[in-house]
Amino acid sequence: MFGFGFFDAFIAAGVFGLQYFLSSRNSVYWGGIIPLLFVVWRTWTFVNENEKLLHYALILSVGLAFLIGGWYEGRNVVREKRKQELNKMKSYDMK
């Protein structure tokens, strides 16, 4: 898995899409599920498959950077939706 083949790109895109979807939900904690699972998975492979520490640290940091970036973008979407709803409610109160 993750030999950077054709199907691996679809798996990664699906994971990032799911991360964005979960991050754009009302609860902030949904977006933390996939980064937590990623850390657990990478740590498990580090311990059980005798990976080098530098390899583990680089993959973990790059993966977390992308996943947390998706989490941040999803939270911005929620924040903007709430702001639009509040503005809509204020405009109805003005009439």
PDB file of N, CA and C in Angstrom:
ATOM      1  N   MET A   1       0.837  -1.180   0.000  1.00  0.00           N
ATOM      2  CA  MET A   1       0.000   0.000   0.000  1.00  0.00           C
ATOM      3  C   MET A   1       0.878   1.238   0.000  1.00  0.00           C
ATOM      4  N   PHE A   2       0.443   2.247  -0.652  1.00  0.00           N
ATOM      5  CA  PHE A   2       1.124   3.523  -0.782  1.00  0.00           C
ATOM      6  C   PHE A   2       2.477   3.385  -1.448  1.00  0.00           C
ATOM      7  N   GLY A   3       2.489   2.677  -2.568  1.00  0.00           N
ATOM      8  CA  GLY A   3       3.660   2.648  -3.417  1.00  0.00           C
ATOM      9  C   GLY A   3       3.551   3.736  -4.466  1.00  0.00           C
ATOM     10  N   PHE A   4       2.643   4.670  -4.257  1.00  0.00           N
ATOM     11  CA  PHE A   4       2.385   5.788  -5.149  1.00  0.00           C
ATOM     12  C   PHE A   4       1.916   5.312  -6.514  1.00  0.00           C
ATOM     13  N   GLY A   5       1.014   4.345  -6.498  1.00  0.00           N
ATOM     14  CA  GLY A   5       0.409   3.865  -7.720  1.00  0.00           C
ATOM     15  C   GLY A   5      -0.893   4.595  -7.996  1.00  0.00           C
ATOM     16  N   PHE A   6      -1.580   4.107  -8.997  1.00  0.00           N
ATOM     17  CA  PHE A   6      -2.824   4.719  -9.450  1.00  0.00           C
ATOM     18  C   PHE A   6      -3.901   4.661  -8.372  1.00  0.00           C
ATOM     19  N   PHE A   7      -4.086   3.492  -7.770  1.00  0.00           N
ATOM     20  CA  PHE A   7      -5.132   3.335  -6.768  1.00  0.00           C
ATOM     21  C   PHE A   7      -4.767   4.014  -5.454  1.00  0.00           C
ATOM     22  N   ASP A   8      -3.491   4.107  -5.164  1.00  0.00           N
ATOM     23  CA  ASP A   8      -3.063   4.788  -3.942  1.00  0.00           C
ATOM     24  C   ASP A   8      -3.412   6.268  -3.981  1.00  0.00           C
ATOM     25  N   ALA A   9      -3.371   6.856  -5.167  1.00  0.00           N
ATOM     26  CA  ALA A   9      -3.760   8.262  -5.303  1.00  0.00           C
ATOM     27  C   ALA A   9      -5.250   8.431  -5.008  1.00  0.00           C
ATOM     28  N   PHE A  10      -6.074   7.474  -5.441  1.00  0.00           N
ATOM     29  CA  PHE A  10      -7.498   7.532  -5.139  1.00  0.00           C
ATOM     30  C   PHE A  10      -7.765   7.326  -3.656  1.00  0.00           C
ATOM     31  N   ILE A  11      -7.014   6.450  -3.022  1.00  0.00           N
ATOM     32  CA  ILE A  11      -7.167   6.234  -1.584  1.00  0.00           C
ATOM     33  C   ILE A  11      -6.822   7.513  -0.828  1.00  0.00           C
ATOM     34  N   ALA A  12      -5.713   8.140  -1.184  1.00  0.00           N
ATOM     35  CA  ALA A  12      -5.304   9.380  -0.515  1.00  0.00           C
ATOM     36  C   ALA A  12      -6.330  10.484  -0.748  1.00  0.00           C
ATOM     37  N   ALA A  13      -6.836  10.599  -1.977  1.00  0.00           N
ATOM     38  CA  ALA A  13      -7.848  11.617  -2.270  1.00  0.00           C
ATOM     39  C   ALA A  13      -9.126  11.351  -1.477  1.00  0.00           C
ATOM     40  N   GLY A  14      -9.500  10.092  -1.343  1.00  0.00           N
ATOM     41  CA  GLY A  14     -10.677   9.745  -0.550  1.00  0.00           C
ATOM     42  C   GLY A  14     -10.505  10.083   0.918  1.00  0.00           C
ATOM     43  N   VAL A  15      -9.317   9.829   1.448  1.00  0.00           N
ATOM     44  CA  VAL A  15      -9.042  10.150   2.852  1.00  0.00           C
ATOM     45  C   VAL A  15      -9.093  11.659   3.066  1.00  0.00           C
ATOM     46  N   PHE A  16      -8.491  12.423   2.148  1.00  0.00           N
ATOM     47  CA  PHE A  16      -8.518  13.880   2.285  1.00  0.00           C
ATOM     48  C   PHE A  16      -9.933  14.431   2.112  1.00  0.00           C
ATOM     49  N   GLY A  17     -10.709  13.829   1.221  1.00  0.00           N
ATOM     50  CA  GLY A  17     -12.101  14.244   1.061  1.00  0.00           C
ATOM     51  C   GLY A  17     -12.925  13.952   2.299  1.00  0.00           C
ATOM     52  N   LEU A  18     -12.723  12.778   2.878  1.00  0.00           N
ATOM     53  CA  LEU A  18     -13.420  12.427   4.113  1.00  0.00           C
ATOM     54  C   LEU A  18     -12.995  13.345   5.250  1.00  0.00           C
ATOM     55  N   GLN A  19     -11.714  13.688   5.296  1.00  0.00           N
ATOM     56  CA  GLN A  19     -11.218  14.605   6.320  1.00  0.00           C
ATOM     57  C   GLN A  19     -11.888  15.973   6.191  1.00  0.00           C
ATOM     58  N   TYR A  20     -12.008  16.470   4.981  1.00  0.00           N
ATOM     59  CA  TYR A  20     -12.661  17.765   4.764  1.00  0.00           C
ATOM     60  C   TYR A  20     -14.134  17.697   5.152  1.00  0.00           C
ATOM     61  N   PHE A  21     -14.803  16.596   4.793  1.00  0.00           N
ATOM     62  CA  PHE A  21     -16.217  16.436   5.134  1.00  0.00           C
ATOM     63  C   PHE A  21     -16.415  16.421   6.641  1.00  0.00           C
ATOM     64  N   LEU A  22     -15.604  15.630   7.352  1.00  0.00           N
ATOM     65  CA  LEU A  22     -15.748  15.553   8.801  1.00  0.00           C
ATOM     66  C   LEU A  22     -15.392  16.876   9.472  1.00  0.00           C
ATOM     67  N   SER A  23     -14.444  17.592   8.913  1.00  0.00           N
ATOM     68  CA  SER A  23     -14.028  18.866   9.501  1.00  0.00           C
ATOM     69  C   SER A  23     -15.071  19.956   9.325  1.00  0.00           C
ATOM     70  N   SER A  24     -15.918  19.815   8.333  1.00  0.00           N
ATOM     71  CA  SER A  24     -16.920  20.846   8.083  1.00  0.00           C
ATOM     72  C   SER A  24     -18.244  20.556   8.792  1.00  0.00           C
ATOM     73  N   ARG A  25     -18.258  19.612   9.714  1.00  0.00           N
ATOM     74  CA  ARG A  25     -19.441  19.347  10.528  1.00  0.00           C
ATOM     75  C   ARG A  25     -19.468  20.341  11.690  1.00  0.00           C
ATOM     76  N   ASN A  26     -20.582  20.421  12.389  1.00  0.00           N
ATOM     77  CA  ASN A  26     -20.719  21.387  13.479  1.00  0.00           C
ATOM     78  C   ASN A  26     -19.783  21.101  14.649  1.00  0.00           C
ATOM     79  N   SER A  27     -19.566  19.856  14.977  1.00  0.00           N
ATOM     80  CA  SER A  27     -18.677  19.523  16.089  1.00  0.00           C
ATOM     81  C   SER A  27     -17.229  19.554  15.617  1.00  0.00           C
ATOM     82  N   VAL A  28     -16.396  20.221  16.382  1.00  0.00           N
ATOM     83  CA  VAL A  28     -14.989  20.372  16.011  1.00  0.00           C
ATOM     84  C   VAL A  28     -14.235  19.044  16.129  1.00  0.00           C
ATOM     85  N   TYR A  29     -14.735  18.138  16.941  1.00  0.00           N
ATOM     86  CA  TYR A  29     -14.022  16.896  17.222  1.00  0.00           C
ATOM     87  C   TYR A  29     -14.053  15.901  16.073  1.00  0.00           C
ATOM     88  N   TRP A  30     -15.046  15.979  15.189  1.00  0.00           N
ATOM     89  CA  TRP A  30     -15.109  15.049  14.057  1.00  0.00           C
ATOM     90  C   TRP A  30     -13.873  15.151  13.179  1.00  0.00           C
ATOM     91  N   GLY A  31     -13.360  16.353  13.021  1.00  0.00           N
ATOM     92  CA  GLY A  31     -12.183  16.558  12.183  1.00  0.00           C
ATOM     93  C   GLY A  31     -10.910  15.989  12.766  1.00  0.00           C
ATOM     94  N   GLY A  32     -10.907  15.666  14.041  1.00  0.00           N
ATOM     95  CA  GLY A  32      -9.719  15.117  14.682  1.00  0.00           C
ATOM     96  C   GLY A  32      -9.596  13.614  14.576  1.00  0.00           C
ATOM     97  N   ILE A  33     -10.612  12.956  14.053  1.00  0.00           N
ATOM     98  CA  ILE A  33     -10.601  11.494  13.995  1.00  0.00           C
ATOM     99  C   ILE A  33      -9.523  10.986  13.046  1.00  0.00           C
ATOM    100  N   ILE A  34      -9.482  11.489  11.837  1.00  0.00           N
ATOM    101  CA  ILE A  34      -8.536  10.969  10.844  1.00  0.00           C
ATOM    102  C   ILE A  34      -7.090  11.308  11.199  1.00  0.00           C
ATOM    103  N   PRO A  35      -6.771  12.539  11.665  1.00  0.00           N
ATOM    104  CA  PRO A  35      -5.379  12.755  12.097  1.00  0.00           C
ATOM    105  C   PRO A  35      -4.963  11.835  13.245  1.00  0.00           C
ATOM    106  N   LEU A  36      -5.880  11.569  14.170  1.00  0.00           N
ATOM    107  CA  LEU A  36      -5.568  10.656  15.270  1.00  0.00           C
ATOM    108  C   LEU A  36      -5.327   9.241  14.749  1.00  0.00           C
ATOM    109  N   LEU A  37      -6.182   8.782  13.839  1.00  0.00           N
ATOM    110  CA  LEU A  37      -5.988   7.456  13.247  1.00  0.00           C
ATOM    111  C   LEU A  37      -4.691   7.385  12.454  1.00  0.00           C
ATOM    112  N   PHE A  38      -4.323   8.469  11.788  1.00  0.00           N
ATOM    113  CA  PHE A  38      -3.076   8.516  11.029  1.00  0.00           C
ATOM    114  C   PHE A  38      -1.869   8.379  11.951  1.00  0.00           C
ATOM    115  N   VAL A  39      -1.895   9.080  13.079  1.00  0.00           N
ATOM    116  CA  VAL A  39      -0.787   8.985  14.043  1.00  0.00           C
ATOM    117  C   VAL A  39      -0.694   7.575  14.609  1.00  0.00           C
ATOM    118  N   VAL A  40      -1.832   6.984  14.940  1.00  0.00           N
ATOM    119  CA  VAL A  40      -1.832   5.616  15.474  1.00  0.00           C
ATOM    120  C   VAL A  40      -1.304   4.640  14.430  1.00  0.00           C
ATOM    121  N   TRP A  41      -1.756   4.770  13.189  1.00  0.00           N
ATOM    122  CA  TRP A  41      -1.311   3.869  12.121  1.00  0.00           C
ATOM    123  C   TRP A  41       0.184   3.996  11.861  1.00  0.00           C
ATOM    124  N   ARG A  42       0.687   5.238  11.761  1.00  0.00           N
ATOM    125  CA  ARG A  42       2.120   5.432  11.497  1.00  0.00           C
ATOM    126  C   ARG A  42       2.969   4.950  12.668  1.00  0.00           C
ATOM    127  N   THR A  43       2.501   5.150  13.893  1.00  0.00           N
ATOM    128  CA  THR A  43       3.246   4.671  15.056  1.00  0.00           C
ATOM    129  C   THR A  43       3.259   3.149  15.081  1.00  0.00           C
ATOM    130  N   TRP A  44       2.144   2.529  14.728  1.00  0.00           N
ATOM    131  CA  TRP A  44       2.083   1.074  14.697  1.00  0.00           C
ATOM    132  C   TRP A  44       3.062   0.522  13.651  1.00  0.00           C
ATOM    133  N   THR A  45       3.107   1.142  12.473  1.00  0.00           N
ATOM    134  CA  THR A  45       4.047   0.665  11.458  1.00  0.00           C
ATOM    135  C   THR A  45       5.492   0.933  11.869  1.00  0.00           C
ATOM    136  N   PHE A  46       5.737   2.010  12.581  1.00  0.00           N
ATOM    137  CA  PHE A  46       7.092   2.310  13.058  1.00  0.00           C
ATOM    138  C   PHE A  46       7.560   1.252  14.053  1.00  0.00           C
ATOM    139  N   VAL A  47       6.689   0.865  14.953  1.00  0.00           N
ATOM    140  CA  VAL A  47       7.063  -0.109  15.986  1.00  0.00           C
ATOM    141  C   VAL A  47       7.169  -1.515  15.410  1.00  0.00           C
ATOM    142  N   ASN A  48       6.222  -1.912  14.592  1.00  0.00           N
ATOM    143  CA  ASN A  48       6.160  -3.301  14.134  1.00  0.00           C
ATOM    144  C   ASN A  48       6.990  -3.603  12.896  1.00  0.00           C
ATOM    145  N   GLU A  49       7.303  -2.610  12.082  1.00  0.00           N
ATOM    146  CA  GLU A  49       8.029  -2.881  10.845  1.00  0.00           C
ATOM    147  C   GLU A  49       9.436  -2.318  10.845  1.00  0.00           C
ATOM    148  N   ASN A  50       9.906  -1.871  11.985  1.00  0.00           N
ATOM    149  CA  ASN A  50      11.278  -1.381  12.153  1.00  0.00           C
ATOM    150  C   ASN A  50      11.645  -0.314  11.128  1.00  0.00           C
ATOM    151  N   GLU A  51      10.808   0.695  11.007  1.00  0.00           N
ATOM    152  CA  GLU A  51      11.111   1.824  10.130  1.00  0.00           C
ATOM    153  C   GLU A  51      12.202   2.679  10.757  1.00  0.00           C
ATOM    154  N   LYS A  52      12.861   3.437   9.924  1.00  0.00           N
ATOM    155  CA  LYS A  52      13.849   4.379  10.437  1.00  0.00           C
ATOM    156  C   LYS A  52      13.118   5.577  11.040  1.00  0.00           C
ATOM    157  N   LEU A  53      13.727   6.157  12.054  1.00  0.00           N
ATOM    158  CA  LEU A  53      13.103   7.266  12.771  1.00  0.00           C
ATOM    159  C   LEU A  53      12.890   8.477  11.861  1.00  0.00           C
ATOM    160  N   LEU A  54      13.846   8.785  11.024  1.00  0.00           N
ATOM    161  CA  LEU A  54      13.718   9.933  10.124  1.00  0.00           C
ATOM    162  C   LEU A  54      12.581   9.721   9.126  1.00  0.00           C
ATOM    163  N   HIS A  55      12.472   8.524   8.598  1.00  0.00           N
ATOM    164  CA  HIS A  55      11.394   8.181   7.666  1.00  0.00           C
ATOM    165  C   HIS A  55      10.040   8.338   8.344  1.00  0.00           C
ATOM    166  N   TYR A  56       9.932   7.826   9.550  1.00  0.00           N
ATOM    167  CA  TYR A  56       8.698   7.927  10.330  1.00  0.00           C
ATOM    168  C   TYR A  56       8.344   9.387  10.602  1.00  0.00           C
ATOM    169  N   ALA A  57       9.321  10.169  11.039  1.00  0.00           N
ATOM    170  CA  ALA A  57       9.069  11.564  11.403  1.00  0.00           C
ATOM    171  C   ALA A  57       8.673  12.397  10.188  1.00  0.00           C
ATOM    172  N   LEU A  58       9.318  12.173   9.053  1.00  0.00           N
ATOM    173  CA  LEU A  58       8.986  12.944   7.852  1.00  0.00           C
ATOM    174  C   LEU A  58       7.585  12.631   7.345  1.00  0.00           C
ATOM    175  N   ILE A  59       7.255  11.360   7.261  1.00  0.00           N
ATOM    176  CA  ILE A  59       5.925  10.982   6.778  1.00  0.00           C
ATOM    177  C   ILE A  59       4.851  11.463   7.744  1.00  0.00           C
ATOM    178  N   LEU A  60       5.117  11.327   9.033  1.00  0.00           N
ATOM    179  CA  LEU A  60       4.147  11.769  10.029  1.00  0.00           C
ATOM    180  C   LEU A  60       3.936  13.279   9.965  1.00  0.00           C
ATOM    181  N   SER A  61       5.004  14.035   9.859  1.00  0.00           N
ATOM    182  CA  SER A  61       4.859  15.496   9.845  1.00  0.00           C
ATOM    183  C   SER A  61       4.190  15.993   8.566  1.00  0.00           C
ATOM    184  N   VAL A  62       4.539  15.438   7.420  1.00  0.00           N
ATOM    185  CA  VAL A  62       3.905  15.864   6.165  1.00  0.00           C
ATOM    186  C   VAL A  62       2.433  15.450   6.142  1.00  0.00           C
ATOM    187  N   GLY A  63       2.149  14.230   6.563  1.00  0.00           N
ATOM    188  CA  GLY A  63       0.761  13.775   6.601  1.00  0.00           C
ATOM    189  C   GLY A  63      -0.092  14.600   7.541  1.00  0.00           C
ATOM    190  N   LEU A  64       0.444  14.877   8.726  1.00  0.00           N
ATOM    191  CA  LEU A  64      -0.308  15.694   9.672  1.00  0.00           C
ATOM    192  C   LEU A  64      -0.479  17.124   9.175  1.00  0.00           C
ATOM    193  N   ALA A  65       0.504  17.639   8.466  1.00  0.00           N
ATOM    194  CA  ALA A  65       0.378  18.993   7.924  1.00  0.00           C
ATOM    195  C   ALA A  65      -0.798  19.068   6.949  1.00  0.00           C
ATOM    196  N   PHE A  66      -0.928  18.077   6.079  1.00  0.00           N
ATOM    197  CA  PHE A  66      -2.047  18.064   5.136  1.00  0.00           C
ATOM    198  C   PHE A  66      -3.381  17.849   5.849  1.00  0.00           C
ATOM    199  N   LEU A  67      -3.419  16.914   6.799  1.00  0.00           N
ATOM    200  CA  LEU A  67      -4.674  16.612   7.480  1.00  0.00           C
ATOM    201  C   LEU A  67      -5.132  17.764   8.373  1.00  0.00           C
ATOM    202  N   ILE A  68      -4.206  18.374   9.085  1.00  0.00           N
ATOM    203  CA  ILE A  68      -4.586  19.495   9.940  1.00  0.00           C
ATOM    204  C   ILE A  68      -4.928  20.715   9.090  1.00  0.00           C
ATOM    205  N   GLY A  69      -4.278  20.854   7.946  1.00  0.00           N
ATOM    206  CA  GLY A  69      -4.655  21.921   7.018  1.00  0.00           C
ATOM    207  C   GLY A  69      -6.079  21.746   6.514  1.00  0.00           C
ATOM    208  N   GLY A  70      -6.460  20.506   6.220  1.00  0.00           N
ATOM    209  CA  GLY A  70      -7.841  20.224   5.826  1.00  0.00           C
ATOM    210  C   GLY A  70      -8.819  20.488   6.952  1.00  0.00           C
ATOM    211  N   TRP A  71      -8.407  20.180   8.171  1.00  0.00           N
ATOM    212  CA  TRP A  71      -9.232  20.442   9.345  1.00  0.00           C
ATOM    213  C   TRP A  71      -9.460  21.945   9.491  1.00  0.00           C
ATOM    214  N   TYR A  72      -8.410  22.718   9.317  1.00  0.00           N
ATOM    215  CA  TYR A  72      -8.501  24.172   9.427  1.00  0.00           C
ATOM    216  C   TYR A  72      -9.430  24.743   8.354  1.00  0.00           C
ATOM    217  N   GLU A  73      -9.309  24.263   7.133  1.00  0.00           N
ATOM    218  CA  GLU A  73     -10.173  24.745   6.052  1.00  0.00           C
ATOM    219  C   GLU A  73     -11.632  24.381   6.309  1.00  0.00           C
ATOM    220  N   GLY A  74     -11.876  23.184   6.824  1.00  0.00           N
ATOM    221  CA  GLY A  74     -13.243  22.783   7.148  1.00  0.00           C
ATOM    222  C   GLY A  74     -13.850  23.647   8.236  1.00  0.00           C
ATOM    223  N   ARG A  75     -13.050  24.002   9.233  1.00  0.00           N
ATOM    224  CA  ARG A  75     -13.537  24.876  10.301  1.00  0.00           C
ATOM    225  C   ARG A  75     -13.834  26.276   9.768  1.00  0.00           C
ATOM    226  N   ASN A  76     -13.037  26.740   8.803  1.00  0.00           N
ATOM    227  CA  ASN A  76     -13.316  28.043   8.189  1.00  0.00           C
ATOM    228  C   ASN A  76     -14.638  28.026   7.443  1.00  0.00           C
ATOM    229  N   VAL A  77     -14.952  26.907   6.794  1.00  0.00           N
ATOM    230  CA  VAL A  77     -16.231  26.779   6.090  1.00  0.00           C
ATOM    231  C   VAL A  77     -17.383  26.867   7.082  1.00  0.00           C
ATOM    232  N   VAL A  78     -17.261  26.178   8.216  1.00  0.00           N
ATOM    233  CA  VAL A  78     -18.311  26.223   9.239  1.00  0.00           C
ATOM    234  C   VAL A  78     -18.462  27.643   9.777  1.00  0.00           C
ATOM    235  N   ARG A  79     -17.349  28.299  10.028  1.00  0.00           N
ATOM    236  CA  ARG A  79     -17.376  29.669  10.546  1.00  0.00           C
ATOM    237  C   ARG A  79     -18.075  30.611   9.559  1.00  0.00           C
ATOM    238  N   GLU A  80     -17.789  30.461   8.272  1.00  0.00           N
ATOM    239  CA  GLU A  80     -18.425  31.311   7.257  1.00  0.00           C
ATOM    240  C   GLU A  80     -19.920  31.017   7.136  1.00  0.00           C
ATOM    241  N   LYS A  81     -20.304  29.740   7.224  1.00  0.00           N
ATOM    242  CA  LYS A  81     -21.730  29.395   7.167  1.00  0.00           C
ATOM    243  C   LYS A  81     -22.480  30.014   8.335  1.00  0.00           C
ATOM    244  N   ARG A  82     -21.878  29.940   9.523  1.00  0.00           N
ATOM    245  CA  ARG A  82     -22.519  30.535  10.697  1.00  0.00           C
ATOM    246  C   ARG A  82     -22.638  32.047  10.547  1.00  0.00           C
ATOM    247  N   LYS A  83     -21.618  32.670  10.019  1.00  0.00           N
ATOM    248  CA  LYS A  83     -21.640  34.117   9.829  1.00  0.00           C
ATOM    249  C   LYS A  83     -22.725  34.504   8.822  1.00  0.00           C
ATOM    250  N   GLN A  84     -22.866  33.733   7.739  1.00  0.00           N
ATOM    251  CA  GLN A  84     -23.903  34.018   6.746  1.00  0.00           C
ATOM    252  C   GLN A  84     -25.296  33.845   7.342  1.00  0.00           C
ATOM    253  N   GLU A  85     -25.478  32.800   8.149  1.00  0.00           N
ATOM    254  CA  GLU A  85     -26.773  32.586   8.788  1.00  0.00           C
ATOM    255  C   GLU A  85     -27.104  33.720   9.751  1.00  0.00           C
ATOM    256  N   LEU A  86     -26.109  34.172  10.503  1.00  0.00           N
ATOM    257  CA  LEU A  86     -26.329  35.274  11.435  1.00  0.00           C
ATOM    258  C   LEU A  86     -26.683  36.555  10.690  1.00  0.00           C
ATOM    259  N   ASN A  87     -25.998  36.820   9.594  1.00  0.00           N
ATOM    260  CA  ASN A  87     -26.320  37.999   8.786  1.00  0.00           C
ATOM    261  C   ASN A  87     -27.718  37.901   8.187  1.00  0.00           C
ATOM    262  N   LYS A  88     -28.101  36.693   7.789  1.00  0.00           N
ATOM    263  CA  LYS A  88     -29.442  36.489   7.238  1.00  0.00           C
ATOM    264  C   LYS A  88     -30.503  36.742   8.312  1.00  0.00           C
ATOM    265  N   MET A  89     -30.248  36.255   9.528  1.00  0.00           N
ATOM    266  CA  MET A  89     -31.197  36.478  10.620  1.00  0.00           C
ATOM    267  C   MET A  89     -31.272  37.959  10.983  1.00  0.00           C
ATOM    268  N   LYS A  90     -30.146  38.652  10.965  1.00  0.00           N
ATOM    269  CA  LYS A  90     -30.148  40.087  11.256  1.00  0.00           C
ATOM    270  C   LYS A  90     -30.908  40.859  10.189  1.00  0.00           C
ATOM    271  N   SER A  91     -30.793  40.448   8.942  1.00  0.00           N
ATOM    272  CA  SER A  91     -31.506  41.154   7.874  1.00  0.00           C
ATOM    273  C   SER A  91     -33.015  40.945   7.993  1.00  0.00           C
ATOM    274  N   TYR A  92     -33.455  39.778   8.451  1.00  0.00           N
ATOM    275  CA  TYR A  92     -34.882  39.551   8.651  1.00  0.00           C
ATOM    276  C   TYR A  92     -35.406  40.357   9.832  1.00  0.00           C
ATOM    277  N   ASP A  93     -34.587  40.569  10.845  1.00  0.00           N
ATOM    278  CA  ASP A  93     -35.005  41.362  11.998  1.00  0.00           C
ATOM    279  C   ASP A  93     -35.142  42.835  11.651  1.00  0.00           C
ATOM    280  N   MET A  94     -34.393  43.304  10.670  1.00  0.00           N
ATOM    281  CA  MET A  94     -34.426  44.715  10.285  1.00  0.00           C
ATOM    282  C   MET A  94     -35.722  45.080   9.568  1.00  0.00           C
ATOM    283  N   LYS A  95     -36.366  44.110   8.928  1.00  0.00           N
ATOM    284  CA  LYS A  95     -37.568  44.395   8.126  1.00  0.00           C
ATOM    285  C   LYS A  95     -38.785  44.593   8.970  1.00  0.00           C
TER     286      LYS A  95
END
